[in-house]
Amino acid sequence: MAAYETSRPAPFGAISIFRAVQNISALLSTVANWNDARVTRKALSKLTDRELDDIGLCRGDIEMIGR
């Protein structure tokens, strides 16, 4: 039975590039989540007190929803 070597070292710099891409991806995800929360807070702020009451919220809850 023949044995084959299937593991090879990663090319020079591949791990560093992979980690950099992961960090950039995490940063973009954080910015996207922040923007989604901002848009949600803005939309809820435009509702009247009666509309907020209909969905079970009050003005003080808006900031907590965005977090």
PDB file of N, CA and C in Angstrom:
ATOM      1  N   MET A   1       0.855  -1.166   0.000  1.00  0.00           N
ATOM      2  CA  MET A   1       0.000   0.000   0.000  1.00  0.00           C
ATOM      3  C   MET A   1       0.902   1.230   0.000  1.00  0.00           C
ATOM      4  N   ALA A   2       0.596   2.156  -0.865  1.00  0.00           N
ATOM      5  CA  ALA A   2       1.385   3.376  -0.973  1.00  0.00           C
ATOM      6  C   ALA A   2       0.772   4.461  -0.082  1.00  0.00           C
ATOM      7  N   ALA A   3       1.641   5.251   0.494  1.00  0.00           N
ATOM      8  CA  ALA A   3       1.185   6.366   1.326  1.00  0.00           C
ATOM      9  C   ALA A   3       1.538   7.665   0.611  1.00  0.00           C
ATOM     10  N   TYR A   4       0.599   8.571   0.574  1.00  0.00           N
ATOM     11  CA  TYR A   4       0.823   9.858  -0.076  1.00  0.00           C
ATOM     12  C   TYR A   4       0.850  10.957   0.962  1.00  0.00           C
ATOM     13  N   GLU A   5       1.724  11.884   0.769  1.00  0.00           N
ATOM     14  CA  GLU A   5       1.797  13.062   1.648  1.00  0.00           C
ATOM     15  C   GLU A   5       0.742  14.053   1.149  1.00  0.00           C
ATOM     16  N   THR A   6      -0.280  14.307   1.963  1.00  0.00           N
ATOM     17  CA  THR A   6      -1.364  15.190   1.528  1.00  0.00           C
ATOM     18  C   THR A   6      -1.332  16.548   2.198  1.00  0.00           C
ATOM     19  N   SER A   7      -0.449  16.736   3.151  1.00  0.00           N
ATOM     20  CA  SER A   7      -0.401  18.039   3.811  1.00  0.00           C
ATOM     21  C   SER A   7       0.791  18.825   3.270  1.00  0.00           C
ATOM     22  N   ARG A   8       0.524  20.073   2.971  1.00  0.00           N
ATOM     23  CA  ARG A   8       1.584  20.957   2.485  1.00  0.00           C
ATOM     24  C   ARG A   8       1.542  22.231   3.318  1.00  0.00           C
ATOM     25  N   PRO A   9       2.673  22.870   3.475  1.00  0.00           N
ATOM     26  CA  PRO A   9       2.643  24.149   4.195  1.00  0.00           C
ATOM     27  C   PRO A   9       1.945  25.213   3.351  1.00  0.00           C
ATOM     28  N   ALA A  10       1.318  26.151   4.034  1.00  0.00           N
ATOM     29  CA  ALA A  10       0.643  27.238   3.333  1.00  0.00           C
ATOM     30  C   ALA A  10       1.685  28.128   2.650  1.00  0.00           C
ATOM     31  N   PRO A  11       1.318  28.688   1.492  1.00  0.00           N
ATOM     32  CA  PRO A  11       2.250  29.588   0.812  1.00  0.00           C
ATOM     33  C   PRO A  11       2.593  30.789   1.696  1.00  0.00           C
ATOM     34  N   PHE A  12       3.734  31.369   1.446  1.00  0.00           N
ATOM     35  CA  PHE A  12       4.202  32.502   2.238  1.00  0.00           C
ATOM     36  C   PHE A  12       3.179  33.637   2.220  1.00  0.00           C
ATOM     37  N   GLY A  13       2.755  34.071   3.376  1.00  0.00           N
ATOM     38  CA  GLY A  13       1.833  35.199   3.500  1.00  0.00           C
ATOM     39  C   GLY A  13       0.362  34.831   3.440  1.00  0.00           C
ATOM     40  N   ALA A  14       0.037  33.578   3.145  1.00  0.00           N
ATOM     41  CA  ALA A  14      -1.367  33.191   2.997  1.00  0.00           C
ATOM     42  C   ALA A  14      -2.136  33.342   4.310  1.00  0.00           C
ATOM     43  N   ILE A  15      -1.525  32.969   5.405  1.00  0.00           N
ATOM     44  CA  ILE A  15      -2.206  33.061   6.694  1.00  0.00           C
ATOM     45  C   ILE A  15      -2.409  34.524   7.089  1.00  0.00           C
ATOM     46  N   SER A  16      -1.423  35.353   6.826  1.00  0.00           N
ATOM     47  CA  SER A  16      -1.554  36.777   7.137  1.00  0.00           C
ATOM     48  C   SER A  16      -2.662  37.414   6.309  1.00  0.00           C
ATOM     49  N   ILE A  17      -2.724  37.062   5.039  1.00  0.00           N
ATOM     50  CA  ILE A  17      -3.781  37.601   4.172  1.00  0.00           C
ATOM     51  C   ILE A  17      -5.136  37.112   4.638  1.00  0.00           C
ATOM     52  N   PHE A  18      -5.230  35.836   5.009  1.00  0.00           N
ATOM     53  CA  PHE A  18      -6.490  35.281   5.502  1.00  0.00           C
ATOM     54  C   PHE A  18      -6.967  36.014   6.750  1.00  0.00           C
ATOM     55  N   ARG A  19      -6.060  36.269   7.680  1.00  0.00           N
ATOM     56  CA  ARG A  19      -6.433  36.991   8.908  1.00  0.00           C
ATOM     57  C   ARG A  19      -6.836  38.426   8.607  1.00  0.00           C
ATOM     58  N   ALA A  20      -6.164  39.063   7.664  1.00  0.00           N
ATOM     59  CA  ALA A  20      -6.525  40.430   7.282  1.00  0.00           C
ATOM     60  C   ALA A  20      -7.926  40.462   6.672  1.00  0.00           C
ATOM     61  N   VAL A  21      -8.227  39.489   5.826  1.00  0.00           N
ATOM     62  CA  VAL A  21      -9.566  39.414   5.222  1.00  0.00           C
ATOM     63  C   VAL A  21     -10.613  39.159   6.295  1.00  0.00           C
ATOM     64  N   GLN A  22     -10.314  38.309   7.263  1.00  0.00           N
ATOM     65  CA  GLN A  22     -11.244  38.064   8.371  1.00  0.00           C
ATOM     66  C   GLN A  22     -11.502  39.340   9.159  1.00  0.00           C
ATOM     67  N   ASN A  23     -10.455  40.108   9.447  1.00  0.00           N
ATOM     68  CA  ASN A  23     -10.615  41.352  10.203  1.00  0.00           C
ATOM     69  C   ASN A  23     -11.436  42.372   9.426  1.00  0.00           C
ATOM     70  N   ILE A  24     -11.192  42.484   8.138  1.00  0.00           N
ATOM     71  CA  ILE A  24     -11.964  43.418   7.319  1.00  0.00           C
ATOM     72  C   ILE A  24     -13.417  42.979   7.255  1.00  0.00           C
ATOM     73  N   SER A  25     -13.648  41.680   7.132  1.00  0.00           N
ATOM     74  CA  SER A  25     -15.009  41.155   7.109  1.00  0.00           C
ATOM     75  C   SER A  25     -15.733  41.438   8.430  1.00  0.00           C
ATOM     76  N   ALA A  26     -15.044  41.269   9.544  1.00  0.00           N
ATOM     77  CA  ALA A  26     -15.639  41.548  10.858  1.00  0.00           C
ATOM     78  C   ALA A  26     -15.958  43.030  10.997  1.00  0.00           C
ATOM     79  N   LEU A  27     -15.073  43.885  10.497  1.00  0.00           N
ATOM     80  CA  LEU A  27     -15.309  45.334  10.552  1.00  0.00           C
ATOM     81  C   LEU A  27     -16.528  45.708   9.719  1.00  0.00           C
ATOM     82  N   LEU A  28     -16.629  45.171   8.520  1.00  0.00           N
ATOM     83  CA  LEU A  28     -17.782  45.464   7.662  1.00  0.00           C
ATOM     84  C   LEU A  28     -19.076  44.957   8.282  1.00  0.00           C
ATOM     85  N   SER A  29     -19.022  43.811   8.929  1.00  0.00           N
ATOM     86  CA  SER A  29     -20.204  43.276   9.606  1.00  0.00           C
ATOM     87  C   SER A  29     -20.628  44.175  10.758  1.00  0.00           C
ATOM     88  N   THR A  30     -19.665  44.680  11.510  1.00  0.00           N
ATOM     89  CA  THR A  30     -19.962  45.588  12.616  1.00  0.00           C
ATOM     90  C   THR A  30     -20.601  46.876  12.109  1.00  0.00           C
ATOM     91  N   VAL A  31     -20.065  47.419  11.031  1.00  0.00           N
ATOM     92  CA  VAL A  31     -20.628  48.649  10.454  1.00  0.00           C
ATOM     93  C   VAL A  31     -22.040  48.395   9.930  1.00  0.00           C
ATOM     94  N   ALA A  32     -22.261  47.247   9.298  1.00  0.00           N
ATOM     95  CA  ALA A  32     -23.595  46.928   8.782  1.00  0.00           C
ATOM     96  C   ALA A  32     -24.597  46.779   9.925  1.00  0.00           C
ATOM     97  N   ASN A  33     -24.204  46.130  11.008  1.00  0.00           N
ATOM     98  CA  ASN A  33     -25.100  45.985  12.171  1.00  0.00           C
ATOM     99  C   ASN A  33     -25.415  47.334  12.795  1.00  0.00           C
ATOM    100  N   TRP A  34     -24.404  48.198  12.902  1.00  0.00           N
ATOM    101  CA  TRP A  34     -24.629  49.534  13.454  1.00  0.00           C
ATOM    102  C   TRP A  34     -25.613  50.307  12.583  1.00  0.00           C
ATOM    103  N   ASN A  35     -25.444  50.203  11.269  1.00  0.00           N
ATOM    104  CA  ASN A  35     -26.334  50.931  10.365  1.00  0.00           C
ATOM    105  C   ASN A  35     -27.760  50.398  10.439  1.00  0.00           C
ATOM    106  N   ASP A  36     -27.924  49.083  10.542  1.00  0.00           N
ATOM    107  CA  ASP A  36     -29.265  48.511  10.683  1.00  0.00           C
ATOM    108  C   ASP A  36     -29.950  49.024  11.944  1.00  0.00           C
ATOM    109  N   ALA A  37     -29.208  49.080  13.042  1.00  0.00           N
ATOM    110  CA  ALA A  37     -29.773  49.586  14.297  1.00  0.00           C
ATOM    111  C   ALA A  37     -30.130  51.060  14.162  1.00  0.00           C
ATOM    112  N   ARG A  38     -29.305  51.830  13.477  1.00  0.00           N
ATOM    113  CA  ARG A  38     -29.569  53.256  13.281  1.00  0.00           C
ATOM    114  C   ARG A  38     -30.841  53.458  12.460  1.00  0.00           C
ATOM    115  N   VAL A  39     -30.990  52.695  11.392  1.00  0.00           N
ATOM    116  CA  VAL A  39     -32.181  52.807  10.545  1.00  0.00           C
ATOM    117  C   VAL A  39     -33.434  52.415  11.324  1.00  0.00           C
ATOM    118  N   THR A  40     -33.325  51.367  12.142  1.00  0.00           N
ATOM    119  CA  THR A  40     -34.469  50.934  12.951  1.00  0.00           C
ATOM    120  C   THR A  40     -34.870  52.010  13.949  1.00  0.00           C
ATOM    121  N   ARG A  41     -33.881  52.586  14.642  1.00  0.00           N
ATOM    122  CA  ARG A  41     -34.186  53.661  15.604  1.00  0.00           C
ATOM    123  C   ARG A  41     -34.829  54.851  14.905  1.00  0.00           C
ATOM    124  N   LYS A  42     -34.338  55.202  13.733  1.00  0.00           N
ATOM    125  CA  LYS A  42     -34.881  56.344  12.998  1.00  0.00           C
ATOM    126  C   LYS A  42     -36.327  56.089  12.582  1.00  0.00           C
ATOM    127  N   ALA A  43     -36.611  54.873  12.108  1.00  0.00           N
ATOM    128  CA  ALA A  43     -37.975  54.538  11.694  1.00  0.00           C
ATOM    129  C   ALA A  43     -38.921  54.537  12.890  1.00  0.00           C
ATOM    130  N   LEU A  44     -38.480  53.986  14.011  1.00  0.00           N
ATOM    131  CA  LEU A  44     -39.333  53.963  15.199  1.00  0.00           C
ATOM    132  C   LEU A  44     -39.549  55.366  15.761  1.00  0.00           C
ATOM    133  N   SER A  45     -38.556  56.229  15.632  1.00  0.00           N
ATOM    134  CA  SER A  45     -38.681  57.596  16.144  1.00  0.00           C
ATOM    135  C   SER A  45     -39.727  58.387  15.370  1.00  0.00           C
ATOM    136  N   LYS A  46     -39.965  58.006  14.121  1.00  0.00           N
ATOM    137  CA  LYS A  46     -40.953  58.715  13.298  1.00  0.00           C
ATOM    138  C   LYS A  46     -42.390  58.326  13.636  1.00  0.00           C
ATOM    139  N   LEU A  47     -42.570  57.212  14.372  1.00  0.00           N
ATOM    140  CA  LEU A  47     -43.915  56.776  14.725  1.00  0.00           C
ATOM    141  C   LEU A  47     -44.493  57.645  15.833  1.00  0.00           C
ATOM    142  N   THR A  48     -45.811  57.747  15.842  1.00  0.00           N
ATOM    143  CA  THR A  48     -46.481  58.496  16.911  1.00  0.00           C
ATOM    144  C   THR A  48     -46.532  57.620  18.164  1.00  0.00           C
ATOM    145  N   ASP A  49     -46.852  58.257  19.290  1.00  0.00           N
ATOM    146  CA  ASP A  49     -46.965  57.511  20.542  1.00  0.00           C
ATOM    147  C   ASP A  49     -48.051  56.439  20.447  1.00  0.00           C
ATOM    148  N   ARG A  50     -49.114  56.753  19.760  1.00  0.00           N
ATOM    149  CA  ARG A  50     -50.204  55.777  19.593  1.00  0.00           C
ATOM    150  C   ARG A  50     -49.740  54.571  18.778  1.00  0.00           C
ATOM    151  N   GLU A  51     -49.004  54.821  17.704  1.00  0.00           N
ATOM    152  CA  GLU A  51     -48.500  53.716  16.878  1.00  0.00           C
ATOM    153  C   GLU A  51     -47.498  52.860  17.656  1.00  0.00           C
ATOM    154  N   LEU A  52     -46.654  53.516  18.448  1.00  0.00           N
ATOM    155  CA  LEU A  52     -45.716  52.765  19.279  1.00  0.00           C
ATOM    156  C   LEU A  52     -46.462  51.911  20.295  1.00  0.00           C
ATOM    157  N   ASP A  53     -47.530  52.475  20.871  1.00  0.00           N
ATOM    158  CA  ASP A  53     -48.325  51.726  21.848  1.00  0.00           C
ATOM    159  C   ASP A  53     -48.981  50.515  21.184  1.00  0.00           C
ATOM    160  N   ASP A  54     -49.377  50.659  19.922  1.00  0.00           N
ATOM    161  CA  ASP A  54     -49.991  49.541  19.195  1.00  0.00           C
ATOM    162  C   ASP A  54     -49.030  48.358  19.054  1.00  0.00           C
ATOM    163  N   ILE A  55     -47.774  48.633  18.942  1.00  0.00           N
ATOM    164  CA  ILE A  55     -46.809  47.540  18.800  1.00  0.00           C
ATOM    165  C   ILE A  55     -46.140  47.194  20.138  1.00  0.00           C
ATOM    166  N   GLY A  56     -46.631  47.808  21.214  1.00  0.00           N
ATOM    167  CA  GLY A  56     -46.170  47.458  22.558  1.00  0.00           C
ATOM    168  C   GLY A  56     -44.883  48.133  22.978  1.00  0.00           C
ATOM    169  N   LEU A  57     -44.605  49.309  22.442  1.00  0.00           N
ATOM    170  CA  LEU A  57     -43.393  50.047  22.795  1.00  0.00           C
ATOM    171  C   LEU A  57     -43.740  51.434  23.304  1.00  0.00           C
ATOM    172  N   CYS A  58     -42.785  52.060  23.960  1.00  0.00           N
ATOM    173  CA  CYS A  58     -42.894  53.464  24.317  1.00  0.00           C
ATOM    174  C   CYS A  58     -41.615  54.153  23.833  1.00  0.00           C
ATOM    175  N   ARG A  59     -41.571  55.462  23.912  1.00  0.00           N
ATOM    176  CA  ARG A  59     -40.413  56.213  23.397  1.00  0.00           C
ATOM    177  C   ARG A  59     -39.101  55.767  24.056  1.00  0.00           C
ATOM    178  N   GLY A  60     -39.172  55.419  25.326  1.00  0.00           N
ATOM    179  CA  GLY A  60     -37.968  54.998  26.030  1.00  0.00           C
ATOM    180  C   GLY A  60     -37.406  53.667  25.561  1.00  0.00           C
ATOM    181  N   ASP A  61     -38.249  52.866  24.926  1.00  0.00           N
ATOM    182  CA  ASP A  61     -37.812  51.557  24.444  1.00  0.00           C
ATOM    183  C   ASP A  61     -37.037  51.636  23.134  1.00  0.00           C
ATOM    184  N   ILE A  62     -37.150  52.733  22.426  1.00  0.00           N
ATOM    185  CA  ILE A  62     -36.539  52.847  21.098  1.00  0.00           C
ATOM    186  C   ILE A  62     -35.028  52.680  21.175  1.00  0.00           C
ATOM    187  N   GLU A  63     -34.399  53.311  22.131  1.00  0.00           N
ATOM    188  CA  GLU A  63     -32.937  53.212  22.235  1.00  0.00           C
ATOM    189  C   GLU A  63     -32.507  51.774  22.571  1.00  0.00           C
ATOM    190  N   MET A  64     -33.294  51.087  23.379  1.00  0.00           N
ATOM    191  CA  MET A  64     -32.955  49.714  23.746  1.00  0.00           C
ATOM    192  C   MET A  64     -33.105  48.761  22.549  1.00  0.00           C
ATOM    193  N   ILE A  65     -34.075  49.037  21.674  1.00  0.00           N
ATOM    194  CA  ILE A  65     -34.293  48.195  20.493  1.00  0.00           C
ATOM    195  C   ILE A  65     -33.076  48.238  19.583  1.00  0.00           C
ATOM    196  N   GLY A  66     -32.489  49.397  19.425  1.00  0.00           N
ATOM    197  CA  GLY A  66     -31.347  49.558  18.532  1.00  0.00           C
ATOM    198  C   GLY A  66     -30.102  48.861  19.014  1.00  0.00           C
ATOM    199  N   ARG A  67     -30.047  48.557  20.269  1.00  0.00           N
ATOM    200  CA  ARG A  67     -28.860  47.890  20.822  1.00  0.00           C
ATOM    201  C   ARG A  67     -29.068  46.426  20.735  1.00  0.00           C
TER     202      ARG A  67
END
